[in-house]
């Protein structure tokens, strides 16, 4: 099964930058595609997730927020 990871974040967010680095490394190692979506470009996303960024989605479902839990993410992507 192929997975898809989405990082919901915003510009000038240190935690989001760290999450990007973590996802780049982890998803790169596992060959899993991932993307970044800026919550501030969409009113609904900002209302839903804006207070918890970065938020990590796996296959469209919320997996975690504020930081990447590496072991948990790797398990979800296996």
C-alpha atoms as a PDB file:
ATOM      1  CA  UNK A   1       0.000   0.000   0.000  1.00  0.00           C
ATOM      2  CA  UNK A   2       1.254   3.441  -0.888  1.00  0.00           C
ATOM      3  CA  UNK A   3       0.946   6.158   1.723  1.00  0.00           C
ATOM      4  CA  UNK A   4       0.826   9.939   1.477  1.00  0.00           C
ATOM      5  CA  UNK A   5       2.007  12.330   4.179  1.00  0.00           C
ATOM      6  CA  UNK A   6       0.864  15.948   4.434  1.00  0.00           C
ATOM      7  CA  UNK A   7       2.355  18.542   6.743  1.00  0.00           C
ATOM      8  CA  UNK A   8      -0.018  21.362   7.648  1.00  0.00           C
ATOM      9  CA  UNK A   9       2.064  24.329   8.714  1.00  0.00           C
ATOM     10  CA  UNK A  10       2.724  28.000   8.188  1.00  0.00           C
ATOM     11  CA  UNK A  11       5.480  30.375   7.160  1.00  0.00           C
ATOM     12  CA  UNK A  12       7.933  31.541   9.853  1.00  0.00           C
ATOM     13  CA  UNK A  13       7.136  28.628  12.164  1.00  0.00           C
ATOM     14  CA  UNK A  14      10.203  27.063  13.793  1.00  0.00           C
ATOM     15  CA  UNK A  15       8.318  23.886  14.761  1.00  0.00           C
ATOM     16  CA  UNK A  16       7.058  23.581  11.170  1.00  0.00           C
ATOM     17  CA  UNK A  17      10.611  23.907   9.842  1.00  0.00           C
ATOM     18  CA  UNK A  18      11.751  21.126  12.185  1.00  0.00           C
ATOM     19  CA  UNK A  19       8.831  18.929  11.109  1.00  0.00           C
ATOM     20  CA  UNK A  20       9.748  19.530   7.444  1.00  0.00           C
ATOM     21  CA  UNK A  21      13.316  18.409   8.105  1.00  0.00           C
ATOM     22  CA  UNK A  22      12.093  15.321   9.975  1.00  0.00           C
ATOM     23  CA  UNK A  23       9.604  14.376   7.244  1.00  0.00           C
ATOM     24  CA  UNK A  24      12.147  14.984   4.497  1.00  0.00           C
ATOM     25  CA  UNK A  25      14.522  12.549   6.195  1.00  0.00           C
ATOM     26  CA  UNK A  26      11.986   9.894   7.261  1.00  0.00           C
ATOM     27  CA  UNK A  27       9.805   9.910   4.158  1.00  0.00           C
ATOM     28  CA  UNK A  28      12.900  10.092   1.973  1.00  0.00           C
ATOM     29  CA  UNK A  29      14.307   6.963   3.616  1.00  0.00           C
ATOM     30  CA  UNK A  30      10.988   5.132   3.214  1.00  0.00           C
ATOM     31  CA  UNK A  31      10.208   6.394  -0.291  1.00  0.00           C
ATOM     32  CA  UNK A  32       6.928   7.949   0.835  1.00  0.00           C
ATOM     33  CA  UNK A  33       5.735  11.104  -0.949  1.00  0.00           C
ATOM     34  CA  UNK A  34       4.906  14.080   1.192  1.00  0.00           C
ATOM     35  CA  UNK A  35       3.757  17.654   0.777  1.00  0.00           C
ATOM     36  CA  UNK A  36       3.423  20.861   2.768  1.00  0.00           C
ATOM     37  CA  UNK A  37       0.179  22.845   2.924  1.00  0.00           C
ATOM     38  CA  UNK A  38       0.125  26.343   4.432  1.00  0.00           C
ATOM     39  CA  UNK A  39      -2.927  26.529   6.717  1.00  0.00           C
ATOM     40  CA  UNK A  40      -2.990  30.304   6.382  1.00  0.00           C
ATOM     41  CA  UNK A  41      -3.960  30.044   2.697  1.00  0.00           C
ATOM     42  CA  UNK A  42      -7.263  28.337   3.494  1.00  0.00           C
ATOM     43  CA  UNK A  43      -9.802  29.657   5.991  1.00  0.00           C
ATOM     44  CA  UNK A  44     -11.176  26.204   6.858  1.00  0.00           C
ATOM     45  CA  UNK A  45      -7.723  24.694   7.420  1.00  0.00           C
ATOM     46  CA  UNK A  46      -6.700  27.657   9.561  1.00  0.00           C
ATOM     47  CA  UNK A  47      -9.856  27.321  11.679  1.00  0.00           C
ATOM     48  CA  UNK A  48      -9.403  23.559  12.108  1.00  0.00           C
ATOM     49  CA  UNK A  49      -5.637  23.248  12.527  1.00  0.00           C
ATOM     50  CA  UNK A  50      -4.181  26.738  12.995  1.00  0.00           C
ATOM     51  CA  UNK A  51      -3.658  26.454  16.751  1.00  0.00           C
ATOM     52  CA  UNK A  52      -1.872  23.098  16.508  1.00  0.00           C
ATOM     53  CA  UNK A  53       0.607  23.476  13.640  1.00  0.00           C
ATOM     54  CA  UNK A  54       2.539  21.622  12.563  1.00  0.00           C
ATOM     55  CA  UNK A  55      -0.028  18.893  12.010  1.00  0.00           C
ATOM     56  CA  UNK A  56       0.918  15.651  10.274  1.00  0.00           C
ATOM     57  CA  UNK A  57      -1.665  13.817   8.193  1.00  0.00           C
ATOM     58  CA  UNK A  58      -1.159  10.262   6.960  1.00  0.00           C
ATOM     59  CA  UNK A  59      -3.432   9.331   4.075  1.00  0.00           C
ATOM     60  CA  UNK A  60      -5.636  12.314   4.929  1.00  0.00           C
ATOM     61  CA  UNK A  61      -6.132  11.359   8.584  1.00  0.00           C
ATOM     62  CA  UNK A  62      -4.614  13.331  11.452  1.00  0.00           C
ATOM     63  CA  UNK A  63      -1.606  11.443  12.769  1.00  0.00           C
ATOM     64  CA  UNK A  64      -0.127  13.980  15.185  1.00  0.00           C
ATOM     65  CA  UNK A  65       0.712  17.581  15.852  1.00  0.00           C
ATOM     66  CA  UNK A  66       3.393  19.913  17.249  1.00  0.00           C
ATOM     67  CA  UNK A  67       6.198  17.452  16.494  1.00  0.00           C
ATOM     68  CA  UNK A  68       6.966  14.344  14.475  1.00  0.00           C
ATOM     69  CA  UNK A  69       6.951  11.186  16.579  1.00  0.00           C
ATOM     70  CA  UNK A  70       9.437   9.249  14.477  1.00  0.00           C
ATOM     71  CA  UNK A  71       8.822   5.694  15.718  1.00  0.00           C
ATOM     72  CA  UNK A  72       5.060   6.123  15.518  1.00  0.00           C
ATOM     73  CA  UNK A  73       5.238   7.642  12.032  1.00  0.00           C
ATOM     74  CA  UNK A  74       7.528   4.896  10.745  1.00  0.00           C
ATOM     75  CA  UNK A  75       5.107   2.266  12.097  1.00  0.00           C
ATOM     76  CA  UNK A  76       2.159   3.968  10.380  1.00  0.00           C
ATOM     77  CA  UNK A  77       4.000   4.049   7.059  1.00  0.00           C
ATOM     78  CA  UNK A  78       4.922   0.350   7.069  1.00  0.00           C
END
